[in-house]
Amino acid sequence: MASRIERFEELARVFHSLGDKTRLSIMMLLTEGEMNVTTLCNKLKLPQSSVSHHLSLLRIGGLVKTRRDGKQIFYSQADLSKHRLGRKSELSAAGSNAAKFGPAELAFPTK
């Protein structure tokens, strides 16, 4: 089981990943299905280097996954139901009131 520090570090990576309007736009576009960098560049009207940078940060945050097909890399949303950010079942099993409000990592013990 991850320590509290490790959980906070993971949360910080996720929040950093989502802390930019371009990265949020990418995540919204990927709800339509997987896309390569060229498609994302065309939809966002941004240069390839910028889109690739943002995709890298999203991948580090565990929010997107990649699939290679020849020379092209396709991006899609990671299975967020398996992300460790406080799934409802984990929150309930931990007896946390945070199940109503958010991730268990954000609930501090009352001891």
PDB file of N, CA and C in Angstrom:
ATOM      1  N   MET A   1       0.842  -1.190   0.000  1.00  0.00           N
ATOM      2  CA  MET A   1       0.000   0.000   0.000  1.00  0.00           C
ATOM      3  C   MET A   1       0.880   1.244   0.000  1.00  0.00           C
ATOM      4  N   ALA A   2       0.494   2.224  -0.770  1.00  0.00           N
ATOM      5  CA  ALA A   2       1.281   3.443  -0.909  1.00  0.00           C
ATOM      6  C   ALA A   2       1.177   4.297   0.347  1.00  0.00           C
ATOM      7  N   SER A   3       2.277   4.950   0.675  1.00  0.00           N
ATOM      8  CA  SER A   3       2.278   5.840   1.829  1.00  0.00           C
ATOM      9  C   SER A   3       1.505   7.112   1.480  1.00  0.00           C
ATOM     10  N   ARG A   4       1.203   7.863   2.499  1.00  0.00           N
ATOM     11  CA  ARG A   4       0.479   9.118   2.292  1.00  0.00           C
ATOM     12  C   ARG A   4       1.279  10.057   1.389  1.00  0.00           C
ATOM     13  N   ILE A   5       2.593  10.119   1.594  1.00  0.00           N
ATOM     14  CA  ILE A   5       3.448  10.977   0.765  1.00  0.00           C
ATOM     15  C   ILE A   5       3.365  10.554  -0.694  1.00  0.00           C
ATOM     16  N   GLU A   6       3.426   9.245  -0.958  1.00  0.00           N
ATOM     17  CA  GLU A   6       3.338   8.744  -2.330  1.00  0.00           C
ATOM     18  C   GLU A   6       1.987   9.079  -2.953  1.00  0.00           C
ATOM     19  N   ARG A   7       0.921   8.986  -2.166  1.00  0.00           N
ATOM     20  CA  ARG A   7      -0.416   9.316  -2.680  1.00  0.00           C
ATOM     21  C   ARG A   7      -0.504  10.802  -3.009  1.00  0.00           C
ATOM     22  N   PHE A   8       0.071  11.658  -2.152  1.00  0.00           N
ATOM     23  CA  PHE A   8       0.056  13.093  -2.420  1.00  0.00           C
ATOM     24  C   PHE A   8       0.887  13.424  -3.652  1.00  0.00           C
ATOM     25  N   GLU A   9       2.012  12.727  -3.824  1.00  0.00           N
ATOM     26  CA  GLU A   9       2.830  12.952  -5.019  1.00  0.00           C
ATOM     27  C   GLU A   9       2.056  12.555  -6.271  1.00  0.00           C
ATOM     28  N   GLU A  10       1.318  11.455  -6.200  1.00  0.00           N
ATOM     29  CA  GLU A  10       0.511  11.036  -7.342  1.00  0.00           C
ATOM     30  C   GLU A  10      -0.589  12.052  -7.626  1.00  0.00           C
ATOM     31  N   LEU A  11      -1.238  12.531  -6.581  1.00  0.00           N
ATOM     32  CA  LEU A  11      -2.270  13.561  -6.767  1.00  0.00           C
ATOM     33  C   LEU A  11      -1.682  14.821  -7.390  1.00  0.00           C
ATOM     34  N   ALA A  12      -0.505  15.214  -6.926  1.00  0.00           N
ATOM     35  CA  ALA A  12       0.133  16.407  -7.475  1.00  0.00           C
ATOM     36  C   ALA A  12       0.414  16.226  -8.965  1.00  0.00           C
ATOM     37  N   ARG A  13       0.864  15.028  -9.384  1.00  0.00           N
ATOM     38  CA  ARG A  13       1.111  14.774 -10.807  1.00  0.00           C
ATOM     39  C   ARG A  13      -0.182  14.893 -11.612  1.00  0.00           C
ATOM     40  N   VAL A  14      -1.266  14.337 -11.078  1.00  0.00           N
ATOM     41  CA  VAL A  14      -2.546  14.391 -11.794  1.00  0.00           C
ATOM     42  C   VAL A  14      -3.049  15.825 -11.885  1.00  0.00           C
ATOM     43  N   PHE A  15      -3.012  16.554 -10.778  1.00  0.00           N
ATOM     44  CA  PHE A  15      -3.495  17.932 -10.804  1.00  0.00           C
ATOM     45  C   PHE A  15      -2.628  18.797 -11.714  1.00  0.00           C
ATOM     46  N   HIS A  16      -1.319  18.550 -11.705  1.00  0.00           N
ATOM     47  CA  HIS A  16      -0.445  19.287 -12.621  1.00  0.00           C
ATOM     48  C   HIS A  16      -0.809  18.941 -14.059  1.00  0.00           C
ATOM     49  N   SER A  17      -1.091  17.683 -14.309  1.00  0.00           N
ATOM     50  CA  SER A  17      -1.454  17.250 -15.664  1.00  0.00           C
ATOM     51  C   SER A  17      -2.712  17.946 -16.153  1.00  0.00           C
ATOM     52  N   LEU A  18      -3.644  18.182 -15.276  1.00  0.00           N
ATOM     53  CA  LEU A  18      -4.914  18.791 -15.667  1.00  0.00           C
ATOM     54  C   LEU A  18      -4.935  20.302 -15.465  1.00  0.00           C
ATOM     55  N   GLY A  19      -3.820  20.866 -15.011  1.00  0.00           N
ATOM     56  CA  GLY A  19      -3.777  22.279 -14.658  1.00  0.00           C
ATOM     57  C   GLY A  19      -3.513  23.225 -15.814  1.00  0.00           C
ATOM     58  N   ASP A  20      -3.937  22.867 -17.001  1.00  0.00           N
ATOM     59  CA  ASP A  20      -3.698  23.708 -18.164  1.00  0.00           C
ATOM     60  C   ASP A  20      -4.861  23.534 -19.133  1.00  0.00           C
ATOM     61  N   LYS A  21      -5.309  24.627 -19.746  1.00  0.00           N
ATOM     62  CA  LYS A  21      -6.474  24.535 -20.622  1.00  0.00           C
ATOM     63  C   LYS A  21      -6.204  23.688 -21.863  1.00  0.00           C
ATOM     64  N   THR A  22      -4.972  23.675 -22.342  1.00  0.00           N
ATOM     65  CA  THR A  22      -4.656  22.833 -23.503  1.00  0.00           C
ATOM     66  C   THR A  22      -4.756  21.359 -23.135  1.00  0.00           C
ATOM     67  N   ARG A  23      -4.243  20.993 -21.969  1.00  0.00           N
ATOM     68  CA  ARG A  23      -4.319  19.587 -21.553  1.00  0.00           C
ATOM     69  C   ARG A  23      -5.764  19.172 -21.290  1.00  0.00           C
ATOM     70  N   LEU A  24      -6.545  20.070 -20.737  1.00  0.00           N
ATOM     71  CA  LEU A  24      -7.969  19.765 -20.552  1.00  0.00           C
ATOM     72  C   LEU A  24      -8.662  19.603 -21.903  1.00  0.00           C
ATOM     73  N   SER A  25      -8.297  20.437 -22.867  1.00  0.00           N
ATOM     74  CA  SER A  25      -8.868  20.320 -24.211  1.00  0.00           C
ATOM     75  C   SER A  25      -8.499  18.985 -24.846  1.00  0.00           C
ATOM     76  N   ILE A  26      -7.253  18.564 -24.659  1.00  0.00           N
ATOM     77  CA  ILE A  26      -6.827  17.268 -25.190  1.00  0.00           C
ATOM     78  C   ILE A  26      -7.645  16.153 -24.569  1.00  0.00           C
ATOM     79  N   MET A  27      -7.821  16.210 -23.256  1.00  0.00           N
ATOM     80  CA  MET A  27      -8.601  15.159 -22.575  1.00  0.00           C
ATOM     81  C   MET A  27     -10.035  15.134 -23.100  1.00  0.00           C
ATOM     82  N   MET A  28     -10.618  16.300 -23.348  1.00  0.00           N
ATOM     83  CA  MET A  28     -11.975  16.353 -23.884  1.00  0.00           C
ATOM     84  C   MET A  28     -12.023  15.780 -25.300  1.00  0.00           C
ATOM     85  N   LEU A  29     -11.036  16.109 -26.131  1.00  0.00           N
ATOM     86  CA  LEU A  29     -10.997  15.563 -27.491  1.00  0.00           C
ATOM     87  C   LEU A  29     -10.853  14.049 -27.471  1.00  0.00           C
ATOM     88  N   LEU A  30     -10.080  13.530 -26.531  1.00  0.00           N
ATOM     89  CA  LEU A  30      -9.862  12.084 -26.467  1.00  0.00           C
ATOM     90  C   LEU A  30     -11.089  11.319 -25.978  1.00  0.00           C
ATOM     91  N   THR A  31     -12.100  12.040 -25.502  1.00  0.00           N
ATOM     92  CA  THR A  31     -13.356  11.350 -25.163  1.00  0.00           C
ATOM     93  C   THR A  31     -14.039  10.844 -26.432  1.00  0.00           C
ATOM     94  N   GLU A  32     -13.680  11.445 -27.592  1.00  0.00           N
ATOM     95  CA  GLU A  32     -14.246  11.024 -28.878  1.00  0.00           C
ATOM     96  C   GLU A  32     -13.590   9.744 -29.396  1.00  0.00           C
ATOM     97  N   GLY A  33     -12.452   9.374 -28.812  1.00  0.00           N
ATOM     98  CA  GLY A  33     -11.712   8.189 -29.245  1.00  0.00           C
ATOM     99  C   GLY A  33     -10.252   8.523 -29.420  1.00  0.00           C
ATOM    100  N   GLU A  34      -9.467   7.497 -29.768  1.00  0.00           N
ATOM    101  CA  GLU A  34      -8.027   7.714 -29.887  1.00  0.00           C
ATOM    102  C   GLU A  34      -7.696   8.581 -31.097  1.00  0.00           C
ATOM    103  N   MET A  35      -6.605   9.349 -30.961  1.00  0.00           N
ATOM    104  CA  MET A  35      -6.168  10.257 -32.021  1.00  0.00           C
ATOM    105  C   MET A  35      -4.652  10.297 -32.035  1.00  0.00           C
ATOM    106  N   ASN A  36      -4.110  10.578 -33.214  1.00  0.00           N
ATOM    107  CA  ASN A  36      -2.666  10.781 -33.288  1.00  0.00           C
ATOM    108  C   ASN A  36      -2.361  12.266 -33.101  1.00  0.00           C
ATOM    109  N   VAL A  37      -1.075  12.591 -33.026  1.00  0.00           N
ATOM    110  CA  VAL A  37      -0.676  13.969 -32.758  1.00  0.00           C
ATOM    111  C   VAL A  37      -1.149  14.909 -33.868  1.00  0.00           C
ATOM    112  N   THR A  38      -1.057  14.475 -35.110  1.00  0.00           N
ATOM    113  CA  THR A  38      -1.466  15.324 -36.234  1.00  0.00           C
ATOM    114  C   THR A  38      -2.934  15.715 -36.115  1.00  0.00           C
ATOM    115  N   THR A  39      -3.788  14.761 -35.789  1.00  0.00           N
ATOM    116  CA  THR A  39      -5.216  15.052 -35.636  1.00  0.00           C
ATOM    117  C   THR A  39      -5.447  16.036 -34.495  1.00  0.00           C
ATOM    118  N   LEU A  40      -4.760  15.808 -33.368  1.00  0.00           N
ATOM    119  CA  LEU A  40      -4.903  16.722 -32.239  1.00  0.00           C
ATOM    120  C   LEU A  40      -4.410  18.120 -32.601  1.00  0.00           C
ATOM    121  N   CYS A  41      -3.286  18.200 -33.330  1.00  0.00           N
ATOM    122  CA  CYS A  41      -2.758  19.508 -33.760  1.00  0.00           C
ATOM    123  C   CYS A  41      -3.780  20.250 -34.617  1.00  0.00           C
ATOM    124  N   ASN A  42      -4.389  19.536 -35.550  1.00  0.00           N
ATOM    125  CA  ASN A  42      -5.376  20.166 -36.430  1.00  0.00           C
ATOM    126  C   ASN A  42      -6.591  20.652 -35.651  1.00  0.00           C
ATOM    127  N   LYS A  43      -7.065  19.858 -34.721  1.00  0.00           N
ATOM    128  CA  LYS A  43      -8.253  20.247 -33.950  1.00  0.00           C
ATOM    129  C   LYS A  43      -7.959  21.399 -32.992  1.00  0.00           C
ATOM    130  N   LEU A  44      -6.754  21.391 -32.404  1.00  0.00           N
ATOM    131  CA  LEU A  44      -6.388  22.426 -31.440  1.00  0.00           C
ATOM    132  C   LEU A  44      -5.767  23.664 -32.089  1.00  0.00           C
ATOM    133  N   LYS A  45      -5.370  23.512 -33.371  1.00  0.00           N
ATOM    134  CA  LYS A  45      -4.688  24.594 -34.081  1.00  0.00           C
ATOM    135  C   LYS A  45      -3.418  25.028 -33.338  1.00  0.00           C
ATOM    136  N   LEU A  46      -2.637  24.015 -32.946  1.00  0.00           N
ATOM    137  CA  LEU A  46      -1.378  24.237 -32.232  1.00  0.00           C
ATOM    138  C   LEU A  46      -0.259  23.479 -32.935  1.00  0.00           C
ATOM    139  N   PRO A  47       0.999  23.924 -32.763  1.00  0.00           N
ATOM    140  CA  PRO A  47       2.112  23.207 -33.381  1.00  0.00           C
ATOM    141  C   PRO A  47       2.345  21.835 -32.737  1.00  0.00           C
ATOM    142  N   GLN A  48       2.959  20.956 -33.511  1.00  0.00           N
ATOM    143  CA  GLN A  48       3.199  19.581 -33.055  1.00  0.00           C
ATOM    144  C   GLN A  48       4.033  19.541 -31.779  1.00  0.00           C
ATOM    145  N   SER A  49       5.030  20.400 -31.672  1.00  0.00           N
ATOM    146  CA  SER A  49       5.888  20.378 -30.480  1.00  0.00           C
ATOM    147  C   SER A  49       5.097  20.697 -29.216  1.00  0.00           C
ATOM    148  N   SER A  50       4.178  21.619 -29.315  1.00  0.00           N
ATOM    149  CA  SER A  50       3.352  21.997 -28.158  1.00  0.00           C
ATOM    150  C   SER A  50       2.417  20.857 -27.756  1.00  0.00           C
ATOM    151  N   VAL A  51       1.744  20.272 -28.724  1.00  0.00           N
ATOM    152  CA  VAL A  51       0.814  19.175 -28.438  1.00  0.00           C
ATOM    153  C   VAL A  51       1.570  17.978 -27.858  1.00  0.00           C
ATOM    154  N   SER A  52       2.723  17.668 -28.434  1.00  0.00           N
ATOM    155  CA  SER A  52       3.523  16.547 -27.930  1.00  0.00           C
ATOM    156  C   SER A  52       3.959  16.783 -26.486  1.00  0.00           C
ATOM    157  N   HIS A  53       4.325  18.001 -26.172  1.00  0.00           N
ATOM    158  CA  HIS A  53       4.715  18.341 -24.798  1.00  0.00           C
ATOM    159  C   HIS A  53       3.550  18.100 -23.831  1.00  0.00           C
ATOM    160  N   HIS A  54       2.378  18.576 -24.196  1.00  0.00           N
ATOM    161  CA  HIS A  54       1.212  18.408 -23.330  1.00  0.00           C
ATOM    162  C   HIS A  54       0.821  16.929 -23.202  1.00  0.00           C
ATOM    163  N   LEU A  55       0.926  16.184 -24.286  1.00  0.00           N
ATOM    164  CA  LEU A  55       0.628  14.748 -24.233  1.00  0.00           C
ATOM    165  C   LEU A  55       1.605  14.026 -23.316  1.00  0.00           C
ATOM    166  N   SER A  56       2.850  14.438 -23.340  1.00  0.00           N
ATOM    167  CA  SER A  56       3.858  13.835 -22.460  1.00  0.00           C
ATOM    168  C   SER A  56       3.492  14.048 -20.993  1.00  0.00           C
ATOM    169  N   LEU A  57       3.067  15.246 -20.655  1.00  0.00           N
ATOM    170  CA  LEU A  57       2.673  15.527 -19.269  1.00  0.00           C
ATOM    171  C   LEU A  57       1.435  14.718 -18.868  1.00  0.00           C
ATOM    172  N   LEU A  58       0.499  14.567 -19.787  1.00  0.00           N
ATOM    173  CA  LEU A  58      -0.693  13.765 -19.499  1.00  0.00           C
ATOM    174  C   LEU A  58      -0.329  12.290 -19.316  1.00  0.00           C
ATOM    175  N   ARG A  59       0.642  11.821 -20.094  1.00  0.00           N
ATOM    176  CA  ARG A  59       1.078  10.426 -19.971  1.00  0.00           C
ATOM    177  C   ARG A  59       1.788  10.215 -18.637  1.00  0.00           C
ATOM    178  N   ILE A  60       2.637  11.146 -18.239  1.00  0.00           N
ATOM    179  CA  ILE A  60       3.333  11.060 -16.951  1.00  0.00           C
ATOM    180  C   ILE A  60       2.315  11.046 -15.811  1.00  0.00           C
ATOM    181  N   GLY A  61       1.248  11.821 -15.957  1.00  0.00           N
ATOM    182  CA  GLY A  61       0.196  11.863 -14.939  1.00  0.00           C
ATOM    183  C   GLY A  61      -0.698  10.638 -14.948  1.00  0.00           C
ATOM    184  N   GLY A  62      -0.503   9.733 -15.898  1.00  0.00           N
ATOM    185  CA  GLY A  62      -1.299   8.509 -15.964  1.00  0.00           C
ATOM    186  C   GLY A  62      -2.681   8.703 -16.541  1.00  0.00           C
ATOM    187  N   LEU A  63      -2.884   9.785 -17.279  1.00  0.00           N
ATOM    188  CA  LEU A  63      -4.219  10.099 -17.783  1.00  0.00           C
ATOM    189  C   LEU A  63      -4.433   9.688 -19.231  1.00  0.00           C
ATOM    190  N   VAL A  64      -3.351   9.478 -19.979  1.00  0.00           N
ATOM    191  CA  VAL A  64      -3.478   8.992 -21.354  1.00  0.00           C
ATOM    192  C   VAL A  64      -2.576   7.782 -21.543  1.00  0.00           C
ATOM    193  N   LYS A  65      -2.942   6.973 -22.514  1.00  0.00           N
ATOM    194  CA  LYS A  65      -2.112   5.825 -22.877  1.00  0.00           C
ATOM    195  C   LYS A  65      -1.821   5.908 -24.367  1.00  0.00           C
ATOM    196  N   THR A  66      -0.827   5.152 -24.805  1.00  0.00           N
ATOM    197  CA  THR A  66      -0.413   5.204 -26.196  1.00  0.00           C
ATOM    198  C   THR A  66      -0.517   3.836 -26.847  1.00  0.00           C
ATOM    199  N   ARG A  67      -0.649   3.879 -28.177  1.00  0.00           N
ATOM    200  CA  ARG A  67      -0.643   2.669 -29.001  1.00  0.00           C
ATOM    201  C   ARG A  67       0.102   3.012 -30.273  1.00  0.00           C
ATOM    202  N   ARG A  68       1.099   2.200 -30.597  1.00  0.00           N
ATOM    203  CA  ARG A  68       1.883   2.444 -31.811  1.00  0.00           C
ATOM    204  C   ARG A  68       1.316   1.623 -32.958  1.00  0.00           C
ATOM    205  N   ASP A  69       1.198   2.282 -34.115  1.00  0.00           N
ATOM    206  CA  ASP A  69       0.796   1.611 -35.342  1.00  0.00           C
ATOM    207  C   ASP A  69       1.773   2.070 -36.423  1.00  0.00           C
ATOM    208  N   GLY A  70       2.790   1.253 -36.677  1.00  0.00           N
ATOM    209  CA  GLY A  70       3.846   1.660 -37.600  1.00  0.00           C
ATOM    210  C   GLY A  70       4.629   2.805 -37.012  1.00  0.00           C
ATOM    211  N   LYS A  71       4.692   3.921 -37.752  1.00  0.00           N
ATOM    212  CA  LYS A  71       5.433   5.091 -37.267  1.00  0.00           C
ATOM    213  C   LYS A  71       4.561   6.041 -36.460  1.00  0.00           C
ATOM    214  N   GLN A  72       3.269   5.794 -36.440  1.00  0.00           N
ATOM    215  CA  GLN A  72       2.353   6.691 -35.741  1.00  0.00           C
ATOM    216  C   GLN A  72       2.069   6.199 -34.335  1.00  0.00           C
ATOM    217  N   ILE A  73       1.886   7.153 -33.437  1.00  0.00           N
ATOM    218  CA  ILE A  73       1.483   6.846 -32.065  1.00  0.00           C
ATOM    219  C   ILE A  73       0.098   7.433 -31.862  1.00  0.00           C
ATOM    220  N   PHE A  74      -0.808   6.608 -31.390  1.00  0.00           N
ATOM    221  CA  PHE A  74      -2.178   7.042 -31.112  1.00  0.00           C
ATOM    222  C   PHE A  74      -2.359   7.186 -29.608  1.00  0.00           C
ATOM    223  N   TYR A  75      -3.058   8.220 -29.223  1.00  0.00           N
ATOM    224  CA  TYR A  75      -3.300   8.528 -27.816  1.00  0.00           C
ATOM    225  C   TYR A  75      -4.774   8.330 -27.504  1.00  0.00           C
ATOM    226  N   SER A  76      -5.032   7.824 -26.311  1.00  0.00           N
ATOM    227  CA  SER A  76      -6.406   7.687 -25.829  1.00  0.00           C
ATOM    228  C   SER A  76      -6.392   7.887 -24.323  1.00  0.00           C
ATOM    229  N   GLN A  77      -7.573   8.102 -23.781  1.00  0.00           N
ATOM    230  CA  GLN A  77      -7.653   8.265 -22.331  1.00  0.00           C
ATOM    231  C   GLN A  77      -7.329   6.946 -21.657  1.00  0.00           C
ATOM    232  N   ALA A  78      -6.582   7.031 -20.577  1.00  0.00           N
ATOM    233  CA  ALA A  78      -6.301   5.848 -19.773  1.00  0.00           C
ATOM    234  C   ALA A  78      -7.600   5.422 -19.095  1.00  0.00           C
ATOM    235  N   ASP A  79      -7.648   4.175 -18.683  1.00  0.00           N
ATOM    236  CA  ASP A  79      -8.819   3.680 -17.966  1.00  0.00           C
ATOM    237  C   ASP A  79      -8.821   4.312 -16.581  1.00  0.00           C
ATOM    238  N   LEU A  80      -9.543   5.403 -16.447  1.00  0.00           N
ATOM    239  CA  LEU A  80      -9.532   6.157 -15.195  1.00  0.00           C
ATOM    240  C   LEU A  80     -10.255   5.439 -14.066  1.00  0.00           C
ATOM    241  N   SER A  81     -11.055   4.420 -14.402  1.00  0.00           N
ATOM    242  CA  SER A  81     -11.703   3.659 -13.331  1.00  0.00           C
ATOM    243  C   SER A  81     -10.680   2.851 -12.547  1.00  0.00           C
ATOM    244  N   LYS A  82      -9.497   2.626 -13.146  1.00  0.00           N
ATOM    245  CA  LYS A  82      -8.444   1.888 -12.462  1.00  0.00           C
ATOM    246  C   LYS A  82      -7.412   2.819 -11.838  1.00  0.00           C
ATOM    247  N   HIS A  83      -7.617   4.114 -11.995  1.00  0.00           N
ATOM    248  CA  HIS A  83      -6.696   5.080 -11.418  1.00  0.00           C
ATOM    249  C   HIS A  83      -6.835   5.039  -9.913  1.00  0.00           C
ATOM    250  N   ARG A  84      -5.762   5.289  -9.204  1.00  0.00           N
ATOM    251  CA  ARG A  84      -5.768   5.151  -7.747  1.00  0.00           C
ATOM    252  C   ARG A  84      -6.347   6.360  -7.034  1.00  0.00           C
ATOM    253  N   LEU A  85      -7.049   7.216  -7.699  1.00  0.00           N
ATOM    254  CA  LEU A  85      -7.522   8.436  -7.058  1.00  0.00           C
ATOM    255  C   LEU A  85      -8.886   8.268  -6.420  1.00  0.00           C
ATOM    256  N   GLY A  86      -8.978   7.389  -5.470  1.00  0.00           N
ATOM    257  CA  GLY A  86     -10.162   7.302  -4.643  1.00  0.00           C
ATOM    258  C   GLY A  86     -11.393   6.742  -5.305  1.00  0.00           C
ATOM    259  N   ARG A  87     -11.287   5.528  -5.835  1.00  0.00           N
ATOM    260  CA  ARG A  87     -12.489   4.880  -6.366  1.00  0.00           C
ATOM    261  C   ARG A  87     -13.482   4.710  -5.221  1.00  0.00           C
ATOM    262  N   LYS A  88     -14.761   4.835  -5.555  1.00  0.00           N
ATOM    263  CA  LYS A  88     -15.815   4.777  -4.534  1.00  0.00           C
ATOM    264  C   LYS A  88     -15.703   3.521  -3.668  1.00  0.00           C
ATOM    265  N   SER A  89     -15.401   2.361  -4.272  1.00  0.00           N
ATOM    266  CA  SER A  89     -15.320   1.129  -3.487  1.00  0.00           C
ATOM    267  C   SER A  89     -14.192   1.208  -2.464  1.00  0.00           C
ATOM    268  N   GLU A  90     -13.053   1.798  -2.844  1.00  0.00           N
ATOM    269  CA  GLU A  90     -11.937   1.941  -1.910  1.00  0.00           C
ATOM    270  C   GLU A  90     -12.297   2.902  -0.787  1.00  0.00           C
ATOM    271  N   LEU A  91     -12.996   3.958  -1.134  1.00  0.00           N
ATOM    272  CA  LEU A  91     -13.365   4.945  -0.133  1.00  0.00           C
ATOM    273  C   LEU A  91     -14.328   4.352   0.883  1.00  0.00           C
ATOM    274  N   SER A  92     -15.298   3.615   0.396  1.00  0.00           N
ATOM    275  CA  SER A  92     -16.272   3.008   1.297  1.00  0.00           C
ATOM    276  C   SER A  92     -15.616   1.963   2.179  1.00  0.00           C
ATOM    277  N   ALA A  93     -14.743   1.134   1.583  1.00  0.00           N
ATOM    278  CA  ALA A  93     -14.061   0.086   2.347  1.00  0.00           C
ATOM    279  C   ALA A  93     -13.183   0.692   3.429  1.00  0.00           C
ATOM    280  N   ALA A  94     -12.643   1.870   3.177  1.00  0.00           N
ATOM    281  CA  ALA A  94     -11.788   2.525   4.159  1.00  0.00           C
ATOM    282  C   ALA A  94     -12.615   3.233   5.232  1.00  0.00           C
ATOM    283  N   GLY A  95     -13.944   3.193   5.089  1.00  0.00           N
ATOM    284  CA  GLY A  95     -14.817   3.848   6.056  1.00  0.00           C
ATOM    285  C   GLY A  95     -14.683   5.358   6.012  1.00  0.00           C
ATOM    286  N   SER A  96     -14.353   5.877   4.847  1.00  0.00           N
ATOM    287  CA  SER A  96     -14.096   7.298   4.712  1.00  0.00           C
ATOM    288  C   SER A  96     -15.361   8.059   4.323  1.00  0.00           C
ATOM    289  N   ASN A  97     -15.573   9.179   4.966  1.00  0.00           N
ATOM    290  CA  ASN A  97     -16.655  10.082   4.581  1.00  0.00           C
ATOM    291  C   ASN A  97     -16.368  10.724   3.230  1.00  0.00           C
ATOM    292  N   ALA A  98     -15.102  10.655   2.783  1.00  0.00           N
ATOM    293  CA  ALA A  98     -14.719  11.260   1.509  1.00  0.00           C
ATOM    294  C   ALA A  98     -15.403  10.586   0.331  1.00  0.00           C
ATOM    295  N   ALA A  99     -16.002   9.399   0.551  1.00  0.00           N
ATOM    296  CA  ALA A  99     -16.708   8.709  -0.536  1.00  0.00           C
ATOM    297  C   ALA A  99     -17.794   9.609  -1.107  1.00  0.00           C
ATOM    298  N   LYS A 100     -18.320  10.504  -0.288  1.00  0.00           N
ATOM    299  CA  LYS A 100     -19.362  11.419  -0.758  1.00  0.00           C
ATOM    300  C   LYS A 100     -18.772  12.604  -1.513  1.00  0.00           C
ATOM    301  N   PHE A 101     -17.508  12.928  -1.219  1.00  0.00           N
ATOM    302  CA  PHE A 101     -16.967  14.189  -1.693  1.00  0.00           C
ATOM    303  C   PHE A 101     -15.757  14.089  -2.614  1.00  0.00           C
ATOM    304  N   GLY A 102     -14.877  13.110  -2.427  1.00  0.00           N
ATOM    305  CA  GLY A 102     -13.668  13.075  -3.244  1.00  0.00           C
ATOM    306  C   GLY A 102     -12.731  11.975  -2.837  1.00  0.00           C
ATOM    307  N   PRO A 103     -11.504  12.045  -3.307  1.00  0.00           N
ATOM    308  CA  PRO A 103     -10.529  10.989  -3.082  1.00  0.00           C
ATOM    309  C   PRO A 103     -10.171  10.787  -1.625  1.00  0.00           C
ATOM    310  N   ALA A 104      -9.907   9.547  -1.267  1.00  0.00           N
ATOM    311  CA  ALA A 104      -9.508   9.211   0.096  1.00  0.00           C
ATOM    312  C   ALA A 104      -8.212   9.898   0.460  1.00  0.00           C
ATOM    313  N   GLU A 105      -7.345  10.127  -0.505  1.00  0.00           N
ATOM    314  CA  GLU A 105      -6.069  10.761  -0.229  1.00  0.00           C
ATOM    315  C   GLU A 105      -6.236  12.166   0.331  1.00  0.00           C
ATOM    316  N   LEU A 106      -7.378  12.785   0.081  1.00  0.00           N
ATOM    317  CA  LEU A 106      -7.599  14.137   0.562  1.00  0.00           C
ATOM    318  C   LEU A 106      -8.277  14.163   1.930  1.00  0.00           C
ATOM    319  N   ALA A 107      -8.713  13.013   2.418  1.00  0.00           N
ATOM    320  CA  ALA A 107      -9.376  12.953   3.722  1.00  0.00           C
ATOM    321  C   ALA A 107      -8.331  12.741   4.801  1.00  0.00           C
ATOM    322  N   PHE A 108      -8.233  13.644   5.733  1.00  0.00           N
ATOM    323  CA  PHE A 108      -7.277  13.520   6.812  1.00  0.00           C
ATOM    324  C   PHE A 108      -7.904  12.777   7.978  1.00  0.00           C
ATOM    325  N   PRO A 109      -7.135  11.950   8.665  1.00  0.00           N
ATOM    326  CA  PRO A 109      -7.687  11.209   9.800  1.00  0.00           C
ATOM    327  C   PRO A 109      -8.090  12.174  10.922  1.00  0.00           C
ATOM    328  N   THR A 110      -9.102  11.775  11.665  1.00  0.00           N
ATOM    329  CA  THR A 110      -9.612  12.640  12.735  1.00  0.00           C
ATOM    330  C   THR A 110      -8.997  12.290  14.083  1.00  0.00           C
ATOM    331  N   LYS A 111      -7.995  11.434  14.100  1.00  0.00           N
ATOM    332  CA  LYS A 111      -7.339  11.007  15.364  1.00  0.00           C
ATOM    333  C   LYS A 111      -6.564  12.127  15.979  1.00  0.00           C
TER     334      LYS A 111
END
